[in-house]
């Protein structure tokens, strides 16, 4: 009762493909892959390698960034 056969999983896969469509499932897969890749790069940065982002380097070093902000107007 607690285990499913291969046929149960195939039926579930077909239903999911019919509901979401193959294009949307492919996009979800590529987004997930990009997120995992970004996570791995973040872990490399945390393990001692220098960050590639210059803004992150400034935050790490404690420097203050002076910027001018423009007021947003409703048009």
PDB file of N, CA and C in Angstrom:
ATOM      1  N   UNK A   1       0.820  -1.197   0.000  1.00  0.00           N
ATOM      2  CA  UNK A   1       0.000   0.000   0.000  1.00  0.00           C
ATOM      3  C   UNK A   1       0.864   1.262   0.000  1.00  0.00           C
ATOM      4  N   UNK A   2       2.057   1.189   0.571  1.00  0.00           N
ATOM      5  CA  UNK A   2       2.904   2.373   0.663  1.00  0.00           C
ATOM      6  C   UNK A   2       3.786   2.591  -0.541  1.00  0.00           C
ATOM      7  N   UNK A   3       3.970   1.600  -1.386  1.00  0.00           N
ATOM      8  CA  UNK A   3       4.852   1.753  -2.537  1.00  0.00           C
ATOM      9  C   UNK A   3       4.027   1.828  -3.822  1.00  0.00           C
ATOM     10  N   UNK A   4       4.583   2.543  -4.783  1.00  0.00           N
ATOM     11  CA  UNK A   4       3.914   2.677  -6.066  1.00  0.00           C
ATOM     12  C   UNK A   4       4.725   1.950  -7.130  1.00  0.00           C
ATOM     13  N   UNK A   5       4.051   1.392  -8.103  1.00  0.00           N
ATOM     14  CA  UNK A   5       4.747   0.711  -9.197  1.00  0.00           C
ATOM     15  C   UNK A   5       5.155   1.746 -10.246  1.00  0.00           C
ATOM     16  N   UNK A   6       5.883   1.303 -11.228  1.00  0.00           N
ATOM     17  CA  UNK A   6       6.325   2.175 -12.313  1.00  0.00           C
ATOM     18  C   UNK A   6       5.133   2.722 -13.087  1.00  0.00           C
ATOM     19  N   UNK A   7       4.069   1.941 -13.172  1.00  0.00           N
ATOM     20  CA  UNK A   7       2.883   2.391 -13.913  1.00  0.00           C
ATOM     21  C   UNK A   7       2.198   3.564 -13.222  1.00  0.00           C
ATOM     22  N   UNK A   8       2.183   3.557 -11.896  1.00  0.00           N
ATOM     23  CA  UNK A   8       1.608   4.693 -11.173  1.00  0.00           C
ATOM     24  C   UNK A   8       2.389   5.971 -11.464  1.00  0.00           C
ATOM     25  N   UNK A   9       3.723   5.870 -11.465  1.00  0.00           N
ATOM     26  CA  UNK A   9       4.560   7.053 -11.720  1.00  0.00           C
ATOM     27  C   UNK A   9       4.420   7.519 -13.163  1.00  0.00           C
ATOM     28  N   UNK A  10       4.255   6.613 -14.101  1.00  0.00           N
ATOM     29  CA  UNK A  10       4.054   7.017 -15.492  1.00  0.00           C
ATOM     30  C   UNK A  10       2.738   7.752 -15.679  1.00  0.00           C
ATOM     31  N   UNK A  11       1.698   7.299 -15.012  1.00  0.00           N
ATOM     32  CA  UNK A  11       0.407   7.980 -15.088  1.00  0.00           C
ATOM     33  C   UNK A  11       0.510   9.380 -14.488  1.00  0.00           C
ATOM     34  N   UNK A  12       1.184   9.502 -13.371  1.00  0.00           N
ATOM     35  CA  UNK A  12       1.371  10.814 -12.746  1.00  0.00           C
ATOM     36  C   UNK A  12       2.158  11.726 -13.678  1.00  0.00           C
ATOM     37  N   UNK A  13       3.223  11.217 -14.312  1.00  0.00           N
ATOM     38  CA  UNK A  13       4.022  12.009 -15.237  1.00  0.00           C
ATOM     39  C   UNK A  13       3.198  12.488 -16.429  1.00  0.00           C
ATOM     40  N   UNK A  14       2.356  11.636 -16.970  1.00  0.00           N
ATOM     41  CA  UNK A  14       1.504  12.019 -18.098  1.00  0.00           C
ATOM     42  C   UNK A  14       0.511  13.102 -17.676  1.00  0.00           C
ATOM     43  N   UNK A  15      -0.069  12.966 -16.516  1.00  0.00           N
ATOM     44  CA  UNK A  15      -1.033  13.968 -16.036  1.00  0.00           C
ATOM     45  C   UNK A  15      -0.352  15.315 -15.824  1.00  0.00           C
ATOM     46  N   UNK A  16       0.833  15.304 -15.232  1.00  0.00           N
ATOM     47  CA  UNK A  16       1.570  16.558 -15.013  1.00  0.00           C
ATOM     48  C   UNK A  16       1.936  17.198 -16.347  1.00  0.00           C
ATOM     49  N   UNK A  17       2.361  16.398 -17.317  1.00  0.00           N
ATOM     50  CA  UNK A  17       2.703  16.928 -18.636  1.00  0.00           C
ATOM     51  C   UNK A  17       1.479  17.519 -19.325  1.00  0.00           C
ATOM     52  N   UNK A  18       0.321  16.896 -19.153  1.00  0.00           N
ATOM     53  CA  UNK A  18      -0.902  17.431 -19.754  1.00  0.00           C
ATOM     54  C   UNK A  18      -1.344  18.726 -19.093  1.00  0.00           C
ATOM     55  N   UNK A  19      -1.153  18.825 -17.788  1.00  0.00           N
ATOM     56  CA  UNK A  19      -1.585  20.031 -17.072  1.00  0.00           C
ATOM     57  C   UNK A  19      -0.661  21.207 -17.370  1.00  0.00           C
ATOM     58  N   UNK A  20       0.646  20.996 -17.238  1.00  0.00           N
ATOM     59  CA  UNK A  20       1.588  22.107 -17.372  1.00  0.00           C
ATOM     60  C   UNK A  20       2.121  22.287 -18.781  1.00  0.00           C
ATOM     61  N   UNK A  21       2.160  21.259 -19.560  1.00  0.00           N
ATOM     62  CA  UNK A  21       2.738  21.338 -20.897  1.00  0.00           C
ATOM     63  C   UNK A  21       4.241  21.123 -20.840  1.00  0.00           C
ATOM     64  N   UNK A  22       4.782  20.593 -21.915  1.00  0.00           N
ATOM     65  CA  UNK A  22       6.205  20.265 -21.914  1.00  0.00           C
ATOM     66  C   UNK A  22       7.090  21.500 -21.941  1.00  0.00           C
ATOM     67  N   UNK A  23       6.636  22.571 -22.593  1.00  0.00           N
ATOM     68  CA  UNK A  23       7.448  23.790 -22.661  1.00  0.00           C
ATOM     69  C   UNK A  23       7.620  24.395 -21.277  1.00  0.00           C
ATOM     70  N   UNK A  24       6.559  24.458 -20.509  1.00  0.00           N
ATOM     71  CA  UNK A  24       6.645  25.030 -19.171  1.00  0.00           C
ATOM     72  C   UNK A  24       7.512  24.154 -18.262  1.00  0.00           C
ATOM     73  N   UNK A  25       7.395  22.838 -18.396  1.00  0.00           N
ATOM     74  CA  UNK A  25       8.236  21.939 -17.595  1.00  0.00           C
ATOM     75  C   UNK A  25       9.701  22.100 -17.959  1.00  0.00           C
ATOM     76  N   UNK A  26      10.005  22.294 -19.246  1.00  0.00           N
ATOM     77  CA  UNK A  26      11.392  22.510 -19.673  1.00  0.00           C
ATOM     78  C   UNK A  26      11.928  23.818 -19.098  1.00  0.00           C
ATOM     79  N   UNK A  27      11.107  24.875 -19.081  1.00  0.00           N
ATOM     80  CA  UNK A  27      11.529  26.149 -18.501  1.00  0.00           C
ATOM     81  C   UNK A  27      11.781  26.021 -17.012  1.00  0.00           C
ATOM     82  N   UNK A  28      10.942  25.275 -16.327  1.00  0.00           N
ATOM     83  CA  UNK A  28      11.132  25.065 -14.893  1.00  0.00           C
ATOM     84  C   UNK A  28      12.439  24.325 -14.644  1.00  0.00           C
ATOM     85  N   UNK A  29      12.745  23.344 -15.478  1.00  0.00           N
ATOM     86  CA  UNK A  29      13.993  22.595 -15.344  1.00  0.00           C
ATOM     87  C   UNK A  29      15.212  23.478 -15.552  1.00  0.00           C
ATOM     88  N   UNK A  30      15.179  24.344 -16.549  1.00  0.00           N
ATOM     89  CA  UNK A  30      16.331  25.221 -16.798  1.00  0.00           C
ATOM     90  C   UNK A  30      16.473  26.262 -15.695  1.00  0.00           C
ATOM     91  N   UNK A  31      15.359  26.764 -15.167  1.00  0.00           N
ATOM     92  CA  UNK A  31      15.421  27.707 -14.047  1.00  0.00           C
ATOM     93  C   UNK A  31      16.010  27.050 -12.811  1.00  0.00           C
ATOM     94  N   UNK A  32      15.618  25.824 -12.567  1.00  0.00           N
ATOM     95  CA  UNK A  32      16.153  25.088 -11.424  1.00  0.00           C
ATOM     96  C   UNK A  32      17.647  24.834 -11.597  1.00  0.00           C
ATOM     97  N   UNK A  33      18.060  24.497 -12.798  1.00  0.00           N
ATOM     98  CA  UNK A  33      19.477  24.286 -13.071  1.00  0.00           C
ATOM     99  C   UNK A  33      20.289  25.562 -12.867  1.00  0.00           C
ATOM    100  N   UNK A  34      19.745  26.697 -13.291  1.00  0.00           N
ATOM    101  CA  UNK A  34      20.425  27.982 -13.090  1.00  0.00           C
ATOM    102  C   UNK A  34      20.533  28.336 -11.616  1.00  0.00           C
ATOM    103  N   UNK A  35      19.508  28.006 -10.859  1.00  0.00           N
ATOM    104  CA  UNK A  35      19.545  28.284  -9.430  1.00  0.00           C
ATOM    105  C   UNK A  35      20.591  27.432  -8.728  1.00  0.00           C
ATOM    106  N   UNK A  36      20.701  26.186  -9.118  1.00  0.00           N
ATOM    107  CA  UNK A  36      21.712  25.301  -8.523  1.00  0.00           C
ATOM    108  C   UNK A  36      23.105  25.790  -8.890  1.00  0.00           C
ATOM    109  N   UNK A  37      23.296  26.227 -10.130  1.00  0.00           N
ATOM    110  CA  UNK A  37      24.587  26.741 -10.571  1.00  0.00           C
ATOM    111  C   UNK A  37      24.957  28.003  -9.787  1.00  0.00           C
ATOM    112  N   UNK A  38      24.009  28.890  -9.586  1.00  0.00           N
ATOM    113  CA  UNK A  38      24.257  30.089  -8.797  1.00  0.00           C
ATOM    114  C   UNK A  38      24.587  29.769  -7.352  1.00  0.00           C
ATOM    115  N   UNK A  39      23.924  28.763  -6.806  1.00  0.00           N
ATOM    116  CA  UNK A  39      24.201  28.348  -5.434  1.00  0.00           C
ATOM    117  C   UNK A  39      25.616  27.810  -5.314  1.00  0.00           C
ATOM    118  N   UNK A  40      26.041  27.002  -6.286  1.00  0.00           N
ATOM    119  CA  UNK A  40      27.400  26.454  -6.258  1.00  0.00           C
ATOM    120  C   UNK A  40      28.433  27.566  -6.346  1.00  0.00           C
ATOM    121  N   UNK A  41      28.202  28.562  -7.201  1.00  0.00           N
ATOM    122  CA  UNK A  41      29.129  29.687  -7.305  1.00  0.00           C
ATOM    123  C   UNK A  41      29.177  30.477  -6.004  1.00  0.00           C
ATOM    124  N   UNK A  42      28.036  30.624  -5.352  1.00  0.00           N
ATOM    125  CA  UNK A  42      27.997  31.303  -4.060  1.00  0.00           C
ATOM    126  C   UNK A  42      28.762  30.547  -2.994  1.00  0.00           C
ATOM    127  N   UNK A  43      28.687  29.240  -3.045  1.00  0.00           N
ATOM    128  CA  UNK A  43      29.435  28.435  -2.079  1.00  0.00           C
ATOM    129  C   UNK A  43      30.935  28.548  -2.323  1.00  0.00           C
ATOM    130  N   UNK A  44      31.344  28.634  -3.585  1.00  0.00           N
ATOM    131  CA  UNK A  44      32.763  28.832  -3.887  1.00  0.00           C
ATOM    132  C   UNK A  44      33.241  30.173  -3.348  1.00  0.00           C
ATOM    133  N   UNK A  45      32.410  31.209  -3.511  1.00  0.00           N
ATOM    134  CA  UNK A  45      32.764  32.539  -3.003  1.00  0.00           C
ATOM    135  C   UNK A  45      32.875  32.525  -1.485  1.00  0.00           C
ATOM    136  N   UNK A  46      32.017  31.787  -0.829  1.00  0.00           N
ATOM    137  CA  UNK A  46      32.024  31.740   0.628  1.00  0.00           C
ATOM    138  C   UNK A  46      33.214  30.944   1.163  1.00  0.00           C
ATOM    139  N   UNK A  47      33.769  30.059   0.347  1.00  0.00           N
ATOM    140  CA  UNK A  47      34.882  29.229   0.793  1.00  0.00           C
ATOM    141  C   UNK A  47      36.236  29.905   0.649  1.00  0.00           C
ATOM    142  N   UNK A  48      36.276  31.166   0.308  1.00  0.00           N
ATOM    143  CA  UNK A  48      37.545  31.866   0.298  1.00  0.00           C
ATOM    144  C   UNK A  48      37.937  32.492  -1.013  1.00  0.00           C
ATOM    145  N   UNK A  49      37.299  32.139  -2.089  1.00  0.00           N
ATOM    146  CA  UNK A  49      37.621  32.791  -3.342  1.00  0.00           C
ATOM    147  C   UNK A  49      37.055  34.195  -3.329  1.00  0.00           C
ATOM    148  N   UNK A  50      37.713  35.099  -4.044  1.00  0.00           N
ATOM    149  CA  UNK A  50      37.243  36.480  -4.048  1.00  0.00           C
ATOM    150  C   UNK A  50      35.942  36.589  -4.844  1.00  0.00           C
ATOM    151  N   UNK A  51      35.014  37.427  -4.415  1.00  0.00           N
ATOM    152  CA  UNK A  51      33.763  37.592  -5.155  1.00  0.00           C
ATOM    153  C   UNK A  51      34.004  38.312  -6.472  1.00  0.00           C
ATOM    154  N   UNK A  52      33.263  37.930  -7.491  1.00  0.00           N
ATOM    155  CA  UNK A  52      33.426  38.522  -8.813  1.00  0.00           C
ATOM    156  C   UNK A  52      32.730  39.876  -8.916  1.00  0.00           C
ATOM    157  N   UNK A  53      31.799  40.163  -8.043  1.00  0.00           N
ATOM    158  CA  UNK A  53      31.013  41.387  -8.085  1.00  0.00           C
ATOM    159  C   UNK A  53      31.767  42.511  -7.366  1.00  0.00           C
ATOM    160  N   UNK A  54      32.101  43.634  -8.029  1.00  0.00           N
ATOM    161  CA  UNK A  54      32.837  44.704  -7.356  1.00  0.00           C
ATOM    162  C   UNK A  54      32.037  45.362  -6.231  1.00  0.00           C
ATOM    163  N   UNK A  55      30.713  45.383  -6.337  1.00  0.00           N
ATOM    164  CA  UNK A  55      29.903  45.966  -5.266  1.00  0.00           C
ATOM    165  C   UNK A  55      30.004  45.106  -4.020  1.00  0.00           C
ATOM    166  N   UNK A  56      30.007  43.796  -4.196  1.00  0.00           N
ATOM    167  CA  UNK A  56      30.158  42.895  -3.056  1.00  0.00           C
ATOM    168  C   UNK A  56      31.515  43.084  -2.406  1.00  0.00           C
ATOM    169  N   UNK A  57      32.556  43.364  -3.196  1.00  0.00           N
ATOM    170  CA  UNK A  57      33.876  43.613  -2.642  1.00  0.00           C
ATOM    171  C   UNK A  57      33.861  44.868  -1.785  1.00  0.00           C
ATOM    172  N   UNK A  58      33.146  45.888  -2.216  1.00  0.00           N
ATOM    173  CA  UNK A  58      33.071  47.116  -1.433  1.00  0.00           C
ATOM    174  C   UNK A  58      32.313  46.890  -0.136  1.00  0.00           C
ATOM    175  N   UNK A  59      31.290  46.088  -0.173  1.00  0.00           N
ATOM    176  CA  UNK A  59      30.537  45.806   1.046  1.00  0.00           C
ATOM    177  C   UNK A  59      31.388  45.023   2.033  1.00  0.00           C
ATOM    178  N   UNK A  60      32.177  44.106   1.523  1.00  0.00           N
ATOM    179  CA  UNK A  60      33.031  43.298   2.383  1.00  0.00           C
ATOM    180  C   UNK A  60      34.095  44.163   3.030  1.00  0.00           C
ATOM    181  N   UNK A  61      34.655  45.107   2.271  1.00  0.00           N
ATOM    182  CA  UNK A  61      35.734  45.924   2.810  1.00  0.00           C
ATOM    183  C   UNK A  61      35.215  47.023   3.727  1.00  0.00           C
ATOM    184  N   UNK A  62      33.926  47.281   3.754  1.00  0.00           N
ATOM    185  CA  UNK A  62      33.349  48.255   4.666  1.00  0.00           C
ATOM    186  C   UNK A  62      33.344  49.675   4.129  1.00  0.00           C
ATOM    187  N   UNK A  63      33.614  49.863   2.856  1.00  0.00           N
ATOM    188  CA  UNK A  63      33.605  51.201   2.284  1.00  0.00           C
ATOM    189  C   UNK A  63      32.174  51.688   2.091  1.00  0.00           C
ATOM    190  N   UNK A  64      32.013  52.999   2.112  1.00  0.00           N
ATOM    191  CA  UNK A  64      30.712  53.602   1.881  1.00  0.00           C
ATOM    192  C   UNK A  64      30.633  54.045   0.430  1.00  0.00           C
ATOM    193  N   UNK A  65      29.523  53.774  -0.213  1.00  0.00           N
ATOM    194  CA  UNK A  65      29.315  54.174  -1.596  1.00  0.00           C
ATOM    195  C   UNK A  65      28.406  55.392  -1.590  1.00  0.00           C
ATOM    196  N   UNK A  66      28.908  56.505  -2.159  1.00  0.00           N
ATOM    197  CA  UNK A  66      28.114  57.727  -2.236  1.00  0.00           C
ATOM    198  C   UNK A  66      27.403  57.762  -3.581  1.00  0.00           C
ATOM    199  N   UNK A  67      26.090  57.928  -3.537  1.00  0.00           N
ATOM    200  CA  UNK A  67      25.300  58.010  -4.754  1.00  0.00           C
ATOM    201  C   UNK A  67      24.289  59.122  -4.609  1.00  0.00           C
ATOM    202  N   UNK A  68      23.783  59.586  -5.740  1.00  0.00           N
ATOM    203  CA  UNK A  68      22.721  60.576  -5.729  1.00  0.00           C
ATOM    204  C   UNK A  68      21.439  59.891  -6.175  1.00  0.00           C
ATOM    205  N   UNK A  69      20.385  60.108  -5.421  1.00  0.00           N
ATOM    206  CA  UNK A  69      19.103  59.505  -5.770  1.00  0.00           C
ATOM    207  C   UNK A  69      18.225  60.536  -6.447  1.00  0.00           C
ATOM    208  N   UNK A  70      17.541  60.114  -7.480  1.00  0.00           N
ATOM    209  CA  UNK A  70      16.612  60.991  -8.175  1.00  0.00           C
ATOM    210  C   UNK A  70      15.214  60.728  -7.659  1.00  0.00           C
ATOM    211  N   UNK A  71      14.438  61.780  -7.543  1.00  0.00           N
ATOM    212  CA  UNK A  71      13.071  61.626  -7.056  1.00  0.00           C
ATOM    213  C   UNK A  71      12.197  61.136  -8.193  1.00  0.00           C
ATOM    214  N   UNK A  72      11.409  60.145  -7.902  1.00  0.00           N
ATOM    215  CA  UNK A  72      10.515  59.584  -8.902  1.00  0.00           C
ATOM    216  C   UNK A  72       9.267  60.448  -9.000  1.00  0.00           C
ATOM    217  N   UNK A  73       8.906  60.820 -10.218  1.00  0.00           N
ATOM    218  CA  UNK A  73       7.711  61.631 -10.435  1.00  0.00           C
ATOM    219  C   UNK A  73       6.658  60.792 -11.130  1.00  0.00           C
ATOM    220  N   UNK A  74       5.423  61.016 -10.801  1.00  0.00           N
ATOM    221  CA  UNK A  74       4.316  60.324 -11.453  1.00  0.00           C
ATOM    222  C   UNK A  74       3.935  61.070 -12.715  1.00  0.00           C
ATOM    223  N   UNK A  75       4.009  60.418 -13.845  1.00  0.00           N
ATOM    224  CA  UNK A  75       3.682  61.106 -15.106  1.00  0.00           C
ATOM    225  C   UNK A  75       2.438  60.548 -15.723  1.00  0.00           C
TER     226      UNK A  75
END
